[in-house]
Amino acid sequence: GRPFFDSLTGTSFLGDHFEPVLALCALVFKLWPSPAALLLIQSLALAS
């Protein structure tokens, strides 16, 4: 419920990098809330 919020800076990440595709990546965190899930997404994208 905190879209694109960066806990480290306390600001919206969209003000630094406009990467709305992260919203789609966030859906995978429903199945596996781990940074490793992003690594699998990247590997799948490059291989596909």
All heavy atoms as atom14 arrays in JSON, in Angstrom:
{
  "sequence": "GRPFFDSLTGTSFLGDHFEPVLALCALVFKLWPSPAALLLIQSLALAS",
  "atom14_mask": [
    [1, 1, 1, 1, 0, 0, 0, 0, 0, 0, 0, 0, 0, 0],
    [1, 1, 1, 1, 1, 1, 1, 1, 1, 1, 1, 0, 0, 0],
    [1, 1, 1, 1, 1, 1, 1, 0, 0, 0, 0, 0, 0, 0],
    [1, 1, 1, 1, 1, 1, 1, 1, 1, 1, 1, 0, 0, 0],
    [1, 1, 1, 1, 1, 1, 1, 1, 1, 1, 1, 0, 0, 0],
    [1, 1, 1, 1, 1, 1, 1, 1, 0, 0, 0, 0, 0, 0],
    [1, 1, 1, 1, 1, 1, 0, 0, 0, 0, 0, 0, 0, 0],
    [1, 1, 1, 1, 1, 1, 1, 1, 0, 0, 0, 0, 0, 0],
    [1, 1, 1, 1, 1, 1, 1, 0, 0, 0, 0, 0, 0, 0],
    [1, 1, 1, 1, 0, 0, 0, 0, 0, 0, 0, 0, 0, 0],
    [1, 1, 1, 1, 1, 1, 1, 0, 0, 0, 0, 0, 0, 0],
    [1, 1, 1, 1, 1, 1, 0, 0, 0, 0, 0, 0, 0, 0],
    [1, 1, 1, 1, 1, 1, 1, 1, 1, 1, 1, 0, 0, 0],
    [1, 1, 1, 1, 1, 1, 1, 1, 0, 0, 0, 0, 0, 0],
    [1, 1, 1, 1, 0, 0, 0, 0, 0, 0, 0, 0, 0, 0],
    [1, 1, 1, 1, 1, 1, 1, 1, 0, 0, 0, 0, 0, 0],
    [1, 1, 1, 1, 1, 1, 1, 1, 1, 1, 0, 0, 0, 0],
    [1, 1, 1, 1, 1, 1, 1, 1, 1, 1, 1, 0, 0, 0],
    [1, 1, 1, 1, 1, 1, 1, 1, 1, 0, 0, 0, 0, 0],
    [1, 1, 1, 1, 1, 1, 1, 0, 0, 0, 0, 0, 0, 0],
    [1, 1, 1, 1, 1, 1, 1, 0, 0, 0, 0, 0, 0, 0],
    [1, 1, 1, 1, 1, 1, 1, 1, 0, 0, 0, 0, 0, 0],
    [1, 1, 1, 1, 1, 0, 0, 0, 0, 0, 0, 0, 0, 0],
    [1, 1, 1, 1, 1, 1, 1, 1, 0, 0, 0, 0, 0, 0],
    [1, 1, 1, 1, 1, 1, 0, 0, 0, 0, 0, 0, 0, 0],
    [1, 1, 1, 1, 1, 0, 0, 0, 0, 0, 0, 0, 0, 0],
    [1, 1, 1, 1, 1, 1, 1, 1, 0, 0, 0, 0, 0, 0],
    [1, 1, 1, 1, 1, 1, 1, 0, 0, 0, 0, 0, 0, 0],
    [1, 1, 1, 1, 1, 1, 1, 1, 1, 1, 1, 0, 0, 0],
    [1, 1, 1, 1, 1, 1, 1, 1, 1, 0, 0, 0, 0, 0],
    [1, 1, 1, 1, 1, 1, 1, 1, 0, 0, 0, 0, 0, 0],
    [1, 1, 1, 1, 1, 1, 1, 1, 1, 1, 1, 1, 1, 1],
    [1, 1, 1, 1, 1, 1, 1, 0, 0, 0, 0, 0, 0, 0],
    [1, 1, 1, 1, 1, 1, 0, 0, 0, 0, 0, 0, 0, 0],
    [1, 1, 1, 1, 1, 1, 1, 0, 0, 0, 0, 0, 0, 0],
    [1, 1, 1, 1, 1, 0, 0, 0, 0, 0, 0, 0, 0, 0],
    [1, 1, 1, 1, 1, 0, 0, 0, 0, 0, 0, 0, 0, 0],
    [1, 1, 1, 1, 1, 1, 1, 1, 0, 0, 0, 0, 0, 0],
    [1, 1, 1, 1, 1, 1, 1, 1, 0, 0, 0, 0, 0, 0],
    [1, 1, 1, 1, 1, 1, 1, 1, 0, 0, 0, 0, 0, 0],
    [1, 1, 1, 1, 1, 1, 1, 1, 0, 0, 0, 0, 0, 0],
    [1, 1, 1, 1, 1, 1, 1, 1, 1, 0, 0, 0, 0, 0],
    [1, 1, 1, 1, 1, 1, 0, 0, 0, 0, 0, 0, 0, 0],
    [1, 1, 1, 1, 1, 1, 1, 1, 0, 0, 0, 0, 0, 0],
    [1, 1, 1, 1, 1, 0, 0, 0, 0, 0, 0, 0, 0, 0],
    [1, 1, 1, 1, 1, 1, 1, 1, 0, 0, 0, 0, 0, 0],
    [1, 1, 1, 1, 1, 0, 0, 0, 0, 0, 0, 0, 0, 0],
    [1, 1, 1, 1, 1, 1, 0, 0, 0, 0, 0, 0, 0, 0]
  ],
  "atom14_positions": [
    [[0.77, -1.24, 0.0], [0.0, 0.0, 0.0], [0.79, 1.28, 0.0], [0.22, 2.36, 0.17], [0.0, 0.0, 0.0], [0.0, 0.0, 0.0], [0.0, 0.0, 0.0], [0.0, 0.0, 0.0], [0.0, 0.0, 0.0], [0.0, 0.0, 0.0], [0.0, 0.0, 0.0], [0.0, 0.0, 0.0], [0.0, 0.0, 0.0], [0.0, 0.0, 0.0]],
    [[2.12, 1.19, -0.19], [2.94, 2.4, -0.28], [3.68, 2.38, -1.62], [4.87, 2.01, -1.68], [3.93, 2.48, 0.89], [3.26, 2.59, 2.25], [4.26, 2.72, 3.37], [5.05, 1.5, 3.52], [4.66, 0.44, 4.21], [3.48, 0.43, 4.81], [5.44, -0.62, 4.31], [0.0, 0.0, 0.0], [0.0, 0.0, 0.0], [0.0, 0.0, 0.0]],
    [[3.0, 2.74, -2.69], [3.56, 2.59, -4.03], [4.88, 3.34, -4.21], [4.96, 4.54, -3.94], [2.47, 3.16, -4.95], [1.22, 3.09, -4.15], [1.64, 3.29, -2.73], [0.0, 0.0, 0.0], [0.0, 0.0, 0.0], [0.0, 0.0, 0.0], [0.0, 0.0, 0.0], [0.0, 0.0, 0.0], [0.0, 0.0, 0.0], [0.0, 0.0, 0.0]],
    [[5.9, 2.6, -4.6], [7.21, 3.14, -4.97], [7.88, 3.92, -3.84], [8.7, 4.8, -4.08], [7.1, 4.03, -6.22], [6.52, 3.31, -7.4], [5.19, 3.49, -7.76], [7.3, 2.45, -8.15], [4.65, 2.82, -8.85], [6.78, 1.77, -9.23], [5.46, 1.95, -9.59], [0.0, 0.0, 0.0], [0.0, 0.0, 0.0], [0.0, 0.0, 0.0]],
    [[7.53, 3.61, -2.59], [8.14, 4.29, -1.45], [9.48, 3.65, -1.13], [9.6, 2.42, -1.01], [7.23, 4.23, -0.23], [7.79, 4.94, 0.97], [7.79, 6.33, 1.04], [8.32, 4.23, 2.04], [8.31, 7.0, 2.14], [8.83, 4.87, 3.15], [8.83, 6.26, 3.19], [0.0, 0.0, 0.0], [0.0, 0.0, 0.0], [0.0, 0.0, 0.0]],
    [[10.52, 4.47, -0.99], [11.86, 4.01, -0.65], [12.09, 4.26, 0.84], [12.17, 5.4, 1.29], [12.89, 4.76, -1.49], [14.31, 4.25, -1.28], [14.52, 3.45, -0.35], [15.21, 4.63, -2.05], [0.0, 0.0, 0.0], [0.0, 0.0, 0.0], [0.0, 0.0, 0.0], [0.0, 0.0, 0.0], [0.0, 0.0, 0.0], [0.0, 0.0, 0.0]],
    [[12.19, 3.17, 1.61], [12.31, 3.31, 3.07], [13.62, 3.96, 3.48], [13.7, 4.59, 4.54], [12.2, 1.92, 3.73], [10.95, 1.34, 3.45], [0.0, 0.0, 0.0], [0.0, 0.0, 0.0], [0.0, 0.0, 0.0], [0.0, 0.0, 0.0], [0.0, 0.0, 0.0], [0.0, 0.0, 0.0], [0.0, 0.0, 0.0], [0.0, 0.0, 0.0]],
    [[14.66, 3.81, 2.69], [15.96, 4.37, 3.06], [15.96, 5.89, 2.96], [16.41, 6.58, 3.86], [17.06, 3.79, 2.17], [18.48, 4.25, 2.49], [18.91, 3.75, 3.87], [19.48, 3.78, 1.44], [0.0, 0.0, 0.0], [0.0, 0.0, 0.0], [0.0, 0.0, 0.0], [0.0, 0.0, 0.0], [0.0, 0.0, 0.0], [0.0, 0.0, 0.0]],
    [[15.43, 6.42, 1.86], [15.43, 7.87, 1.66], [14.17, 8.53, 2.21], [14.14, 9.74, 2.41], [15.56, 8.19, 0.17], [14.4, 7.68, -0.54], [16.81, 7.57, -0.42], [0.0, 0.0, 0.0], [0.0, 0.0, 0.0], [0.0, 0.0, 0.0], [0.0, 0.0, 0.0], [0.0, 0.0, 0.0], [0.0, 0.0, 0.0], [0.0, 0.0, 0.0]],
    [[13.13, 7.71, 2.43], [11.87, 8.27, 2.92], [11.13, 9.06, 1.86], [10.28, 9.9, 2.19], [0.0, 0.0, 0.0], [0.0, 0.0, 0.0], [0.0, 0.0, 0.0], [0.0, 0.0, 0.0], [0.0, 0.0, 0.0], [0.0, 0.0, 0.0], [0.0, 0.0, 0.0], [0.0, 0.0, 0.0], [0.0, 0.0, 0.0], [0.0, 0.0, 0.0]],
    [[11.41, 8.82, 0.59], [10.77, 9.54, -0.51], [10.27, 8.54, -1.55], [10.53, 7.34, -1.48], [11.75, 10.51, -1.19], [12.87, 9.75, -1.72], [12.28, 11.52, -0.18], [0.0, 0.0, 0.0], [0.0, 0.0, 0.0], [0.0, 0.0, 0.0], [0.0, 0.0, 0.0], [0.0, 0.0, 0.0], [0.0, 0.0, 0.0], [0.0, 0.0, 0.0]],
    [[9.58, 9.08, -2.54], [9.12, 8.24, -3.65], [10.28, 7.95, -4.59], [11.02, 8.85, -5.0], [7.99, 8.94, -4.42], [7.67, 8.2, -5.59], [0.0, 0.0, 0.0], [0.0, 0.0, 0.0], [0.0, 0.0, 0.0], [0.0, 0.0, 0.0], [0.0, 0.0, 0.0], [0.0, 0.0, 0.0], [0.0, 0.0, 0.0], [0.0, 0.0, 0.0]],
    [[10.44, 6.68, -4.93], [11.52, 6.28, -5.82], [11.33, 6.86, -7.22], [12.32, 7.04, -7.96], [11.58, 4.75, -5.89], [12.71, 4.22, -6.72], [14.02, 4.36, -6.3], [12.47, 3.57, -7.92], [15.07, 3.86, -7.06], [13.51, 3.07, -8.68], [14.81, 3.21, -8.25], [0.0, 0.0, 0.0], [0.0, 0.0, 0.0], [0.0, 0.0, 0.0]],
    [[10.09, 7.17, -7.6], [9.83, 7.7, -8.94], [10.47, 9.07, -9.14], [10.67, 9.5, -10.27], [8.32, 7.79, -9.19], [7.58, 6.45, -9.24], [6.1, 6.67, -9.48], [8.16, 5.54, -10.32], [0.0, 0.0, 0.0], [0.0, 0.0, 0.0], [0.0, 0.0, 0.0], [0.0, 0.0, 0.0], [0.0, 0.0, 0.0], [0.0, 0.0, 0.0]],
    [[10.79, 9.75, -8.04], [11.49, 11.02, -8.17], [12.95, 10.85, -8.49], [13.62, 11.81, -8.88], [0.0, 0.0, 0.0], [0.0, 0.0, 0.0], [0.0, 0.0, 0.0], [0.0, 0.0, 0.0], [0.0, 0.0, 0.0], [0.0, 0.0, 0.0], [0.0, 0.0, 0.0], [0.0, 0.0, 0.0], [0.0, 0.0, 0.0], [0.0, 0.0, 0.0]],
    [[13.46, 9.64, -8.34], [14.86, 9.35, -8.63], [15.0, 8.58, -9.94], [15.75, 8.95, -10.84], [15.47, 8.54, -7.48], [16.97, 8.36, -7.63], [17.57, 9.07, -8.47], [17.54, 7.53, -6.91], [0.0, 0.0, 0.0], [0.0, 0.0, 0.0], [0.0, 0.0, 0.0], [0.0, 0.0, 0.0], [0.0, 0.0, 0.0], [0.0, 0.0, 0.0]],
    [[14.25, 7.47, -10.04], [14.22, 6.67, -11.28], [12.76, 6.37, -11.61], [12.04, 5.81, -10.76], [14.99, 5.36, -11.1], [16.46, 5.54, -10.9], [17.31, 5.89, -11.92], [17.22, 5.41, -9.79], [18.55, 5.98, -11.45], [18.52, 5.7, -10.15], [0.0, 0.0, 0.0], [0.0, 0.0, 0.0], [0.0, 0.0, 0.0], [0.0, 0.0, 0.0]],
    [[12.37, 6.68, -12.82], [10.99, 6.39, -13.24], [10.95, 4.98, -13.8], [11.23, 4.74, -14.97], [10.52, 7.41, -14.29], [9.06, 7.25, -14.64], [8.09, 7.66, -13.74], [8.67, 6.69, -15.84], [6.74, 7.51, -14.04], [7.33, 6.55, -16.16], [6.36, 6.96, -15.26], [0.0, 0.0, 0.0], [0.0, 0.0, 0.0], [0.0, 0.0, 0.0]],
    [[10.59, 4.02, -12.92], [10.58, 2.61, -13.3], [9.26, 1.98, -12.86], [9.21, 1.18, -11.92], [11.77, 1.88, -12.67], [13.12, 2.39, -13.17], [14.3, 1.79, -12.44], [14.09, 1.16, -11.38], [15.44, 1.94, -12.92], [0.0, 0.0, 0.0], [0.0, 0.0, 0.0], [0.0, 0.0, 0.0], [0.0, 0.0, 0.0], [0.0, 0.0, 0.0]],
    [[8.17, 2.3, -13.55], [6.86, 1.75, -13.16], [6.76, 0.25, -13.3], [5.86, -0.38, -12.74], [5.88, 2.46, -14.11], [6.71, 2.92, -15.26], [8.05, 3.22, -14.69], [0.0, 0.0, 0.0], [0.0, 0.0, 0.0], [0.0, 0.0, 0.0], [0.0, 0.0, 0.0], [0.0, 0.0, 0.0], [0.0, 0.0, 0.0], [0.0, 0.0, 0.0]],
    [[7.7, -0.38, -14.03], [7.67, -1.83, -14.19], [7.86, -2.54, -12.84], [7.49, -3.71, -12.69], [8.76, -2.28, -15.2], [10.16, -2.12, -14.61], [8.53, -3.72, -15.65], [0.0, 0.0, 0.0], [0.0, 0.0, 0.0], [0.0, 0.0, 0.0], [0.0, 0.0, 0.0], [0.0, 0.0, 0.0], [0.0, 0.0, 0.0], [0.0, 0.0, 0.0]],
    [[8.4, -1.83, -11.85], [8.55, -2.42, -10.53], [7.2, -2.77, -9.91], [7.13, -3.65, -9.03], [9.32, -1.48, -9.61], [10.82, -1.31, -9.92], [11.44, -0.28, -8.99], [11.55, -2.64, -9.79], [0.0, 0.0, 0.0], [0.0, 0.0, 0.0], [0.0, 0.0, 0.0], [0.0, 0.0, 0.0], [0.0, 0.0, 0.0], [0.0, 0.0, 0.0]],
    [[6.14, -2.1, -10.35], [4.8, -2.43, -9.84], [4.41, -3.84, -10.27], [3.75, -4.57, -9.52], [3.78, -1.41, -10.34], [0.0, 0.0, 0.0], [0.0, 0.0, 0.0], [0.0, 0.0, 0.0], [0.0, 0.0, 0.0], [0.0, 0.0, 0.0], [0.0, 0.0, 0.0], [0.0, 0.0, 0.0], [0.0, 0.0, 0.0], [0.0, 0.0, 0.0]],
    [[4.81, -4.24, -11.47], [4.54, -5.61, -11.93], [5.42, -6.61, -11.19], [4.97, -7.7, -10.83], [4.78, -5.71, -13.44], [3.86, -4.87, -14.34], [4.26, -5.02, -15.79], [2.41, -5.29, -14.14], [0.0, 0.0, 0.0], [0.0, 0.0, 0.0], [0.0, 0.0, 0.0], [0.0, 0.0, 0.0], [0.0, 0.0, 0.0], [0.0, 0.0, 0.0]],
    [[6.67, -6.22, -10.96], [7.57, -7.1, -10.21], [7.06, -7.32, -8.79], [7.27, -8.39, -8.2], [8.97, -6.51, -10.18], [9.77, -6.38, -11.8], [0.0, 0.0, 0.0], [0.0, 0.0, 0.0], [0.0, 0.0, 0.0], [0.0, 0.0, 0.0], [0.0, 0.0, 0.0], [0.0, 0.0, 0.0], [0.0, 0.0, 0.0], [0.0, 0.0, 0.0]],
    [[6.38, -6.3, -8.25], [5.89, -6.41, -6.87], [4.85, -7.52, -6.73], [4.7, -8.1, -5.64], [5.29, -5.08, -6.43], [0.0, 0.0, 0.0], [0.0, 0.0, 0.0], [0.0, 0.0, 0.0], [0.0, 0.0, 0.0], [0.0, 0.0, 0.0], [0.0, 0.0, 0.0], [0.0, 0.0, 0.0], [0.0, 0.0, 0.0], [0.0, 0.0, 0.0]],
    [[4.15, -7.85, -7.82], [3.14, -8.9, -7.75], [3.77, -10.26, -7.43], [3.14, -11.11, -6.8], [2.38, -8.97, -9.09], [1.59, -7.72, -9.47], [0.95, -7.9, -10.84], [0.52, -7.41, -8.42], [0.0, 0.0, 0.0], [0.0, 0.0, 0.0], [0.0, 0.0, 0.0], [0.0, 0.0, 0.0], [0.0, 0.0, 0.0], [0.0, 0.0, 0.0]],
    [[5.01, -10.45, -7.87], [5.7, -11.71, -7.59], [5.97, -11.86, -6.09], [6.04, -12.97, -5.57], [7.02, -11.78, -8.4], [7.76, -13.1, -8.14], [6.73, -11.64, -9.89], [0.0, 0.0, 0.0], [0.0, 0.0, 0.0], [0.0, 0.0, 0.0], [0.0, 0.0, 0.0], [0.0, 0.0, 0.0], [0.0, 0.0, 0.0], [0.0, 0.0, 0.0]],
    [[6.1, -10.72, -5.41], [6.36, -10.76, -3.96], [5.17, -11.34, -3.2], [5.32, -11.7, -2.03], [6.68, -9.35, -3.46], [8.15, -9.02, -3.53], [8.85, -9.2, -4.71], [8.83, -8.54, -2.43], [10.19, -8.91, -4.8], [10.18, -8.25, -2.5], [10.88, -8.44, -3.68], [0.0, 0.0, 0.0], [0.0, 0.0, 0.0], [0.0, 0.0, 0.0]],
    [[4.01, -11.41, -3.83], [2.87, -12.07, -3.19], [3.14, -13.57, -3.05], [2.69, -14.21, -2.1], [1.62, -11.84, -4.04], [0.54, -11.01, -3.35], [-0.68, -10.95, -4.2], [-1.88, -10.32, -3.52], [-1.9, -10.23, -2.09], [0.0, 0.0, 0.0], [0.0, 0.0, 0.0], [0.0, 0.0, 0.0], [0.0, 0.0, 0.0], [0.0, 0.0, 0.0]],
    [[3.88, -14.12, -4.01], [4.22, -15.55, -3.99], [5.5, -15.81, -3.21], [5.62, -16.8, -2.49], [4.35, -16.08, -5.41], [3.14, -15.91, -6.32], [3.47, -16.38, -7.73], [1.96, -16.71, -5.77], [0.0, 0.0, 0.0], [0.0, 0.0, 0.0], [0.0, 0.0, 0.0], [0.0, 0.0, 0.0], [0.0, 0.0, 0.0], [0.0, 0.0, 0.0]],
    [[6.47, -14.93, -3.39], [7.78, -15.13, -2.75], [8.38, -13.77, -2.4], [9.04, -13.15, -3.23], [8.71, -15.9, -3.68], [9.99, -16.33, -3.03], [10.22, -16.49, -1.69], [11.22, -16.66, -3.68], [11.5, -16.9, -1.46], [12.15, -17.01, -2.66], [11.64, -16.69, -5.0], [13.46, -17.39, -2.94], [12.93, -17.07, -5.29], [13.83, -17.42, -4.27]],
    [[8.15, -13.27, -1.19], [8.65, -11.95, -0.79], [10.14, -11.97, -0.46], [10.54, -11.87, 0.7], [7.8, -11.61, 0.43], [7.46, -12.94, 1.02], [7.33, -13.9, -0.13], [0.0, 0.0, 0.0], [0.0, 0.0, 0.0], [0.0, 0.0, 0.0], [0.0, 0.0, 0.0], [0.0, 0.0, 0.0], [0.0, 0.0, 0.0], [0.0, 0.0, 0.0]],
    [[10.95, -12.11, -1.49], [12.4, -12.2, -1.3], [13.1, -11.45, -2.43], [12.63, -11.47, -3.58], [12.85, -13.66, -1.29], [14.25, -13.76, -1.39], [0.0, 0.0, 0.0], [0.0, 0.0, 0.0], [0.0, 0.0, 0.0], [0.0, 0.0, 0.0], [0.0, 0.0, 0.0], [0.0, 0.0, 0.0], [0.0, 0.0, 0.0], [0.0, 0.0, 0.0]],
    [[14.23, -10.8, -2.14], [14.99, -10.16, -3.23], [15.4, -11.15, -4.31], [15.56, -10.77, -5.48], [16.23, -9.6, -2.51], [15.79, -9.42, -1.09], [14.83, -10.53, -0.83], [0.0, 0.0, 0.0], [0.0, 0.0, 0.0], [0.0, 0.0, 0.0], [0.0, 0.0, 0.0], [0.0, 0.0, 0.0], [0.0, 0.0, 0.0], [0.0, 0.0, 0.0]],
    [[15.54, -12.43, -3.95], [15.92, -13.44, -4.94], [14.86, -13.57, -6.03], [15.18, -13.99, -7.15], [16.14, -14.79, -4.25], [0.0, 0.0, 0.0], [0.0, 0.0, 0.0], [0.0, 0.0, 0.0], [0.0, 0.0, 0.0], [0.0, 0.0, 0.0], [0.0, 0.0, 0.0], [0.0, 0.0, 0.0], [0.0, 0.0, 0.0], [0.0, 0.0, 0.0]],
    [[13.61, -13.21, -5.72], [12.56, -13.27, -6.74], [12.88, -12.32, -7.89], [12.62, -12.64, -9.06], [11.21, -12.93, -6.12], [0.0, 0.0, 0.0], [0.0, 0.0, 0.0], [0.0, 0.0, 0.0], [0.0, 0.0, 0.0], [0.0, 0.0, 0.0], [0.0, 0.0, 0.0], [0.0, 0.0, 0.0], [0.0, 0.0, 0.0], [0.0, 0.0, 0.0]],
    [[13.44, -11.16, -7.57], [13.8, -10.21, -8.63], [14.93, -10.77, -9.49], [14.96, -10.53, -10.71], [14.24, -8.88, -8.0], [13.16, -8.1, -7.25], [13.75, -6.81, -6.69], [11.98, -7.79, -8.17], [0.0, 0.0, 0.0], [0.0, 0.0, 0.0], [0.0, 0.0, 0.0], [0.0, 0.0, 0.0], [0.0, 0.0, 0.0], [0.0, 0.0, 0.0]],
    [[15.84, -11.52, -8.89], [16.93, -12.12, -9.66], [16.38, -13.16, -10.64], [16.87, -13.27, -11.78], [17.94, -12.76, -8.72], [18.6, -11.82, -7.71], [19.56, -12.59, -6.81], [19.32, -10.67, -8.41], [0.0, 0.0, 0.0], [0.0, 0.0, 0.0], [0.0, 0.0, 0.0], [0.0, 0.0, 0.0], [0.0, 0.0, 0.0], [0.0, 0.0, 0.0]],
    [[15.37, -13.9, -10.22], [14.75, -14.89, -11.11], [13.99, -14.2, -12.24], [13.99, -14.67, -13.38], [13.82, -15.8, -10.32], [14.49, -16.74, -9.32], [13.45, -17.64, -8.65], [15.56, -17.59, -9.99], [0.0, 0.0, 0.0], [0.0, 0.0, 0.0], [0.0, 0.0, 0.0], [0.0, 0.0, 0.0], [0.0, 0.0, 0.0], [0.0, 0.0, 0.0]],
    [[13.33, -13.08, -11.92], [12.62, -12.33, -12.96], [13.6, -11.83, -14.02], [13.35, -11.94, -15.23], [11.85, -11.14, -12.33], [10.7, -11.64, -11.48], [11.35, -10.19, -13.42], [10.0, -10.55, -10.72], [0.0, 0.0, 0.0], [0.0, 0.0, 0.0], [0.0, 0.0, 0.0], [0.0, 0.0, 0.0], [0.0, 0.0, 0.0], [0.0, 0.0, 0.0]],
    [[14.73, -11.3, -13.57], [15.73, -10.81, -14.52], [16.3, -11.95, -15.36], [16.46, -11.8, -16.58], [16.85, -10.11, -13.76], [17.98, -9.6, -14.65], [18.98, -8.78, -13.88], [18.84, -7.58, -13.75], [20.01, -9.43, -13.34], [0.0, 0.0, 0.0], [0.0, 0.0, 0.0], [0.0, 0.0, 0.0], [0.0, 0.0, 0.0], [0.0, 0.0, 0.0]],
    [[16.59, -13.07, -14.73], [17.12, -14.22, -15.47], [16.12, -14.72, -16.5], [16.48, -15.07, -17.63], [17.48, -15.35, -14.49], [18.48, -14.95, -13.58], [0.0, 0.0, 0.0], [0.0, 0.0, 0.0], [0.0, 0.0, 0.0], [0.0, 0.0, 0.0], [0.0, 0.0, 0.0], [0.0, 0.0, 0.0], [0.0, 0.0, 0.0], [0.0, 0.0, 0.0]],
    [[14.84, -14.75, -16.11], [13.8, -15.19, -17.03], [13.67, -14.23, -18.21], [13.5, -14.67, -19.36], [12.47, -15.3, -16.28], [11.27, -15.78, -17.11], [11.53, -17.18, -17.65], [9.99, -15.75, -16.27], [0.0, 0.0, 0.0], [0.0, 0.0, 0.0], [0.0, 0.0, 0.0], [0.0, 0.0, 0.0], [0.0, 0.0, 0.0], [0.0, 0.0, 0.0]],
    [[13.76, -12.94, -17.94], [13.65, -11.95, -19.01], [14.8, -12.09, -20.01], [14.58, -12.1, -21.23], [13.63, -10.54, -18.42], [0.0, 0.0, 0.0], [0.0, 0.0, 0.0], [0.0, 0.0, 0.0], [0.0, 0.0, 0.0], [0.0, 0.0, 0.0], [0.0, 0.0, 0.0], [0.0, 0.0, 0.0], [0.0, 0.0, 0.0], [0.0, 0.0, 0.0]],
    [[16.01, -12.2, -19.51], [17.17, -12.31, -20.4], [17.12, -13.6, -21.21], [17.43, -13.6, -22.41], [18.46, -12.24, -19.59], [18.75, -10.91, -18.89], [20.02, -11.01, -18.05], [18.88, -9.78, -19.91], [0.0, 0.0, 0.0], [0.0, 0.0, 0.0], [0.0, 0.0, 0.0], [0.0, 0.0, 0.0], [0.0, 0.0, 0.0], [0.0, 0.0, 0.0]],
    [[16.73, -14.7, -20.57], [16.67, -15.98, -21.28], [15.55, -15.99, -22.31], [15.72, -16.52, -23.42], [16.49, -17.12, -20.28], [0.0, 0.0, 0.0], [0.0, 0.0, 0.0], [0.0, 0.0, 0.0], [0.0, 0.0, 0.0], [0.0, 0.0, 0.0], [0.0, 0.0, 0.0], [0.0, 0.0, 0.0], [0.0, 0.0, 0.0], [0.0, 0.0, 0.0]],
    [[14.41, -15.4, -21.98], [13.27, -15.41, -22.91], [13.54, -14.57, -24.16], [12.88, -14.77, -25.18], [12.01, -14.89, -22.2], [12.16, -13.52, -21.85], [0.0, 0.0, 0.0], [0.0, 0.0, 0.0], [0.0, 0.0, 0.0], [0.0, 0.0, 0.0], [0.0, 0.0, 0.0], [0.0, 0.0, 0.0], [0.0, 0.0, 0.0], [0.0, 0.0, 0.0]]
  ]
}
